[in-house]
Amino acid sequence: MRRALAILGYLLVVSGLFWALQGAGIIMWPAESFMLAQGQWITYGLATALVGVALVALSRRRR
């Protein structure tokens, strides 16, 4: 269970940061993406990344 939480957390961090960078217009790929240079995706991406960080922290918590 802990490993699954960690993997899910890392995936959420990576995808959230990707969304935030697309929203900021730093990553302009794929060209047909609706997220490019759309400011609300910075917020959505950072929130997703924070949820991922929380899951990783939860998975590392000792019993």
C-alpha atoms as a PDB file:
ATOM      1  CA  MET A   1       0.000   0.000   0.000  1.00  0.00           C
ATOM      2  CA  ARG A   2       2.791   2.411   0.851  1.00  0.00           C
ATOM      3  CA  ARG A   3       4.510   1.810  -2.472  1.00  0.00           C
ATOM      4  CA  ALA A   4       1.261   2.401  -4.367  1.00  0.00           C
ATOM      5  CA  LEU A   5       0.725   5.710  -2.526  1.00  0.00           C
ATOM      6  CA  ALA A   6       4.279   6.783  -3.323  1.00  0.00           C
ATOM      7  CA  ILE A   7       3.938   5.925  -7.017  1.00  0.00           C
ATOM      8  CA  LEU A   8       0.598   7.714  -7.263  1.00  0.00           C
ATOM      9  CA  GLY A   9       2.060  10.701  -5.437  1.00  0.00           C
ATOM     10  CA  TYR A  10       5.058  10.960  -7.755  1.00  0.00           C
ATOM     11  CA  LEU A  11       2.805  10.681 -10.808  1.00  0.00           C
ATOM     12  CA  LEU A  12       0.591  13.473  -9.474  1.00  0.00           C
ATOM     13  CA  VAL A  13       3.620  15.690  -8.794  1.00  0.00           C
ATOM     14  CA  VAL A  14       5.014  15.201 -12.298  1.00  0.00           C
ATOM     15  CA  SER A  15       1.696  15.690 -14.079  1.00  0.00           C
ATOM     16  CA  GLY A  16       0.764  18.663 -11.894  1.00  0.00           C
ATOM     17  CA  LEU A  17       4.044  20.417 -12.621  1.00  0.00           C
ATOM     18  CA  PHE A  18       3.625  19.651 -16.310  1.00  0.00           C
ATOM     19  CA  TRP A  19       0.144  21.210 -16.268  1.00  0.00           C
ATOM     20  CA  ALA A  20       1.423  24.273 -14.405  1.00  0.00           C
ATOM     21  CA  LEU A  21       4.268  24.775 -16.873  1.00  0.00           C
ATOM     22  CA  GLN A  22       1.874  24.410 -19.786  1.00  0.00           C
ATOM     23  CA  GLY A  23      -0.464  26.943 -18.190  1.00  0.00           C
ATOM     24  CA  ALA A  24       2.421  29.348 -17.725  1.00  0.00           C
ATOM     25  CA  GLY A  25       3.368  28.985 -21.383  1.00  0.00           C
ATOM     26  CA  ILE A  26       6.798  27.521 -20.601  1.00  0.00           C
ATOM     27  CA  ILE A  27       6.046  24.117 -22.117  1.00  0.00           C
ATOM     28  CA  MET A  28       4.212  24.585 -25.397  1.00  0.00           C
ATOM     29  CA  TRP A  29       3.660  20.922 -26.174  1.00  0.00           C
ATOM     30  CA  PRO A  30       1.561  19.407 -27.620  1.00  0.00           C
ATOM     31  CA  ALA A  31       0.692  22.279 -29.899  1.00  0.00           C
ATOM     32  CA  GLU A  32      -3.032  21.463 -29.954  1.00  0.00           C
ATOM     33  CA  SER A  33      -3.389  21.353 -26.155  1.00  0.00           C
ATOM     34  CA  PHE A  34      -6.131  23.517 -24.670  1.00  0.00           C
ATOM     35  CA  MET A  35      -3.988  24.191 -21.575  1.00  0.00           C
ATOM     36  CA  LEU A  36      -1.284  26.244 -23.274  1.00  0.00           C
ATOM     37  CA  ALA A  37      -0.867  29.721 -21.787  1.00  0.00           C
ATOM     38  CA  GLN A  38      -4.110  29.416 -19.784  1.00  0.00           C
ATOM     39  CA  GLY A  39      -3.476  30.816 -16.311  1.00  0.00           C
ATOM     40  CA  GLN A  40      -6.020  28.674 -14.464  1.00  0.00           C
ATOM     41  CA  TRP A  41      -3.925  25.577 -15.285  1.00  0.00           C
ATOM     42  CA  ILE A  42      -1.107  26.961 -13.166  1.00  0.00           C
ATOM     43  CA  THR A  43      -3.437  26.787 -10.156  1.00  0.00           C
ATOM     44  CA  TYR A  44      -4.827  23.373 -11.075  1.00  0.00           C
ATOM     45  CA  GLY A  45      -1.362  21.983 -11.690  1.00  0.00           C
ATOM     46  CA  LEU A  46       0.124  23.291  -8.461  1.00  0.00           C
ATOM     47  CA  ALA A  47      -2.836  21.975  -6.471  1.00  0.00           C
ATOM     48  CA  THR A  48      -2.414  18.557  -8.084  1.00  0.00           C
ATOM     49  CA  ALA A  49       1.318  18.593  -7.351  1.00  0.00           C
ATOM     50  CA  LEU A  50       0.636  19.461  -3.699  1.00  0.00           C
ATOM     51  CA  VAL A  51      -1.755  16.529  -3.380  1.00  0.00           C
ATOM     52  CA  GLY A  52       1.019  14.357  -4.816  1.00  0.00           C
ATOM     53  CA  VAL A  53       3.523  15.691  -2.284  1.00  0.00           C
ATOM     54  CA  ALA A  54       1.070  14.922   0.515  1.00  0.00           C
ATOM     55  CA  LEU A  55       0.650  11.353  -0.741  1.00  0.00           C
ATOM     56  CA  VAL A  56       4.410  10.851  -0.931  1.00  0.00           C
ATOM     57  CA  ALA A  57       4.798  12.214   2.601  1.00  0.00           C
ATOM     58  CA  LEU A  58       2.011   9.942   3.791  1.00  0.00           C
ATOM     59  CA  SER A  59       3.680   6.929   2.190  1.00  0.00           C
ATOM     60  CA  ARG A  60       6.956   7.696   3.973  1.00  0.00           C
ATOM     61  CA  ARG A  61       5.334   8.042   7.363  1.00  0.00           C
ATOM     62  CA  ARG A  62       6.535   5.444   9.838  1.00  0.00           C
ATOM     63  CA  ARG A  63       4.230   3.365  11.981  1.00  0.00           C
END
